[in-house]
C-alpha atoms as a PDB file:
ATOM      1  CA  UNK A   1      95.087 114.956 126.373  1.00  0.00           C
ATOM      2  CA  UNK A   2      97.921 112.920 127.877  1.00  0.00           C
ATOM      3  CA  UNK A   3      98.682 111.092 131.084  1.00  0.00           C
ATOM      4  CA  UNK A   4     102.075 111.987 132.553  1.00  0.00           C
ATOM      5  CA  UNK A   5     103.776 109.284 134.594  1.00  0.00           C
ATOM      6  CA  UNK A   6     106.427 110.314 137.119  1.00  0.00           C
ATOM      7  CA  UNK A   7     108.527 107.238 137.824  1.00  0.00           C
ATOM      8  CA  UNK A   8     111.394 106.586 140.254  1.00  0.00           C
ATOM      9  CA  UNK A   9     115.070 106.785 139.410  1.00  0.00           C
ATOM     10  CA  UNK A  10     116.482 103.664 137.782  1.00  0.00           C
ATOM     11  CA  UNK A  11     113.747 103.107 135.180  1.00  0.00           C
ATOM     12  CA  UNK A  12     115.126 101.331 132.129  1.00  0.00           C
ATOM     13  CA  UNK A  13     114.631 103.824 129.287  1.00  0.00           C
ATOM     14  CA  UNK A  14     114.849 101.170 126.564  1.00  0.00           C
ATOM     15  CA  UNK A  15     112.060  98.968 127.963  1.00  0.00           C
ATOM     16  CA  UNK A  16     108.424  99.899 127.326  1.00  0.00           C
ATOM     17  CA  UNK A  17     106.193 101.052 130.152  1.00  0.00           C
ATOM     18  CA  UNK A  18     102.852  99.280 129.805  1.00  0.00           C
ATOM     19  CA  UNK A  19      99.409 100.580 130.687  1.00  0.00           C
ATOM     20  CA  UNK A  20      96.473  98.298 131.478  1.00  0.00           C
ATOM     21  CA  UNK A  21      92.888  98.908 132.523  1.00  0.00           C
ATOM     22  CA  UNK A  22      91.357  96.092 134.570  1.00  0.00           C
ATOM     23  CA  UNK A  23      94.135  93.794 133.335  1.00  0.00           C
ATOM     24  CA  UNK A  24      93.613  94.520 129.632  1.00  0.00           C
ATOM     25  CA  UNK A  25      96.501  96.106 127.771  1.00  0.00           C
ATOM     26  CA  UNK A  26      95.944  99.635 126.512  1.00  0.00           C
ATOM     27  CA  UNK A  27      99.370 100.389 125.114  1.00  0.00           C
ATOM     28  CA  UNK A  28     102.912 101.238 126.007  1.00  0.00           C
ATOM     29  CA  UNK A  29     105.256 104.195 126.046  1.00  0.00           C
ATOM     30  CA  UNK A  30     108.843 105.040 126.975  1.00  0.00           C
ATOM     31  CA  UNK A  31     110.333 107.683 129.294  1.00  0.00           C
ATOM     32  CA  UNK A  32     111.344 110.888 127.560  1.00  0.00           C
ATOM     33  CA  UNK A  33     113.207 112.716 130.313  1.00  0.00           C
ATOM     34  CA  UNK A  34     114.576 112.523 133.826  1.00  0.00           C
ATOM     35  CA  UNK A  35     115.804 114.889 136.495  1.00  0.00           C
ATOM     36  CA  UNK A  36     116.496 114.847 140.235  1.00  0.00           C
ATOM     37  CA  UNK A  37     112.827 113.878 140.813  1.00  0.00           C
ATOM     38  CA  UNK A  38     112.875 110.738 138.631  1.00  0.00           C
ATOM     39  CA  UNK A  39     111.866 109.764 135.093  1.00  0.00           C
ATOM     40  CA  UNK A  40     108.898 111.091 133.126  1.00  0.00           C
ATOM     41  CA  UNK A  41     106.799 109.583 130.362  1.00  0.00           C
ATOM     42  CA  UNK A  42     103.574 110.549 128.602  1.00  0.00           C
ATOM     43  CA  UNK A  43     100.783 108.306 127.357  1.00  0.00           C
ATOM     44  CA  UNK A  44      98.228 109.764 124.915  1.00  0.00           C
ATOM     45  CA  UNK A  45      94.627 109.650 126.126  1.00  0.00           C
ATOM     46  CA  UNK A  46      92.525 109.482 122.981  1.00  0.00           C
ATOM     47  CA  UNK A  47      88.736 109.411 123.305  1.00  0.00           C
ATOM     48  CA  UNK A  48      88.577 105.615 123.242  1.00  0.00           C
ATOM     49  CA  UNK A  49      91.094 105.354 126.104  1.00  0.00           C
ATOM     50  CA  UNK A  50      89.137 107.859 128.192  1.00  0.00           C
ATOM     51  CA  UNK A  51      85.958 105.870 127.545  1.00  0.00           C
ATOM     52  CA  UNK A  52      87.700 102.748 128.890  1.00  0.00           C
ATOM     53  CA  UNK A  53      88.924 104.689 131.941  1.00  0.00           C
ATOM     54  CA  UNK A  54      85.360 105.784 132.715  1.00  0.00           C
ATOM     55  CA  UNK A  55      84.242 102.177 133.194  1.00  0.00           C
ATOM     56  CA  UNK A  56      87.468 100.573 134.447  1.00  0.00           C
ATOM     57  CA  UNK A  57      88.102  99.984 138.112  1.00  0.00           C
ATOM     58  CA  UNK A  58      91.900  99.938 138.024  1.00  0.00           C
ATOM     59  CA  UNK A  59      94.805 101.430 136.070  1.00  0.00           C
ATOM     60  CA  UNK A  60      98.004  99.372 136.134  1.00  0.00           C
ATOM     61  CA  UNK A  61     101.387 100.746 135.094  1.00  0.00           C
ATOM     62  CA  UNK A  62     104.239  98.248 134.697  1.00  0.00           C
ATOM     63  CA  UNK A  63     107.887  99.132 134.152  1.00  0.00           C
ATOM     64  CA  UNK A  64     111.366  97.662 134.421  1.00  0.00           C
ATOM     65  CA  UNK A  65     114.400  98.957 136.297  1.00  0.00           C
ATOM     66  CA  UNK A  66     117.942  99.145 134.996  1.00  0.00           C
ATOM     67  CA  UNK A  67     118.649  96.040 137.130  1.00  0.00           C
ATOM     68  CA  UNK A  68     115.848  94.090 135.350  1.00  0.00           C
ATOM     69  CA  UNK A  69     113.398  94.242 138.261  1.00  0.00           C
ATOM     70  CA  UNK A  70     109.740  94.482 137.183  1.00  0.00           C
ATOM     71  CA  UNK A  71     107.481  96.910 139.027  1.00  0.00           C
ATOM     72  CA  UNK A  72     103.708  97.156 138.992  1.00  0.00           C
ATOM     73  CA  UNK A  73     101.757 100.178 140.206  1.00  0.00           C
ATOM     74  CA  UNK A  74      97.980  99.845 140.606  1.00  0.00           C
ATOM     75  CA  UNK A  75      95.849 102.984 140.720  1.00  0.00           C
ATOM     76  CA  UNK A  76      92.130 102.801 141.525  1.00  0.00           C
ATOM     77  CA  UNK A  77      89.878 104.646 139.083  1.00  0.00           C
ATOM     78  CA  UNK A  78      86.964 105.073 141.495  1.00  0.00           C
ATOM     79  CA  UNK A  79      84.762 107.987 140.417  1.00  0.00           C
ATOM     80  CA  UNK A  80      86.937 108.747 137.377  1.00  0.00           C
ATOM     81  CA  UNK A  81      83.870 109.247 135.142  1.00  0.00           C
ATOM     82  CA  UNK A  82      82.305 111.770 137.531  1.00  0.00           C
ATOM     83  CA  UNK A  83      85.524 113.715 138.023  1.00  0.00           C
ATOM     84  CA  UNK A  84      86.231 113.732 134.278  1.00  0.00           C
ATOM     85  CA  UNK A  85      82.725 115.060 133.657  1.00  0.00           C
ATOM     86  CA  UNK A  86      83.241 117.867 136.188  1.00  0.00           C
ATOM     87  CA  UNK A  87      86.553 118.819 134.593  1.00  0.00           C
ATOM     88  CA  UNK A  88      84.999 118.755 131.121  1.00  0.00           C
ATOM     89  CA  UNK A  89      82.160 121.032 132.284  1.00  0.00           C
ATOM     90  CA  UNK A  90      84.577 123.544 133.807  1.00  0.00           C
ATOM     91  CA  UNK A  91      86.338 124.314 130.535  1.00  0.00           C
END
C-alpha cells in the first residue's frame, strides 16, 4: 500500500518531501512525475506506518519549492482507524 501525494507546480524535485505524524518524522520521499495537474510522489505505507496512522491525530507533509519556499500541509486523521477497518473488511 502507498500514499500518493499530488503537489502543486514548482515543487523542487531534488529536495525530499517529509512525512510526519503528530510532529514525529515518519520518512521522506521525492516526486517521481509531473504533468499539467502538478507533481506526484508516493510514500510506502508499511504495516508499522499504518499502525501509527491509526492512533495519530495529524499527518503533516512538508516540501520545498523551486524558489526555496517551505510549505507545510496538515491533514487531520480523524476516524482513520475506523475507515481503514471498513476498507480492509470490504476486500
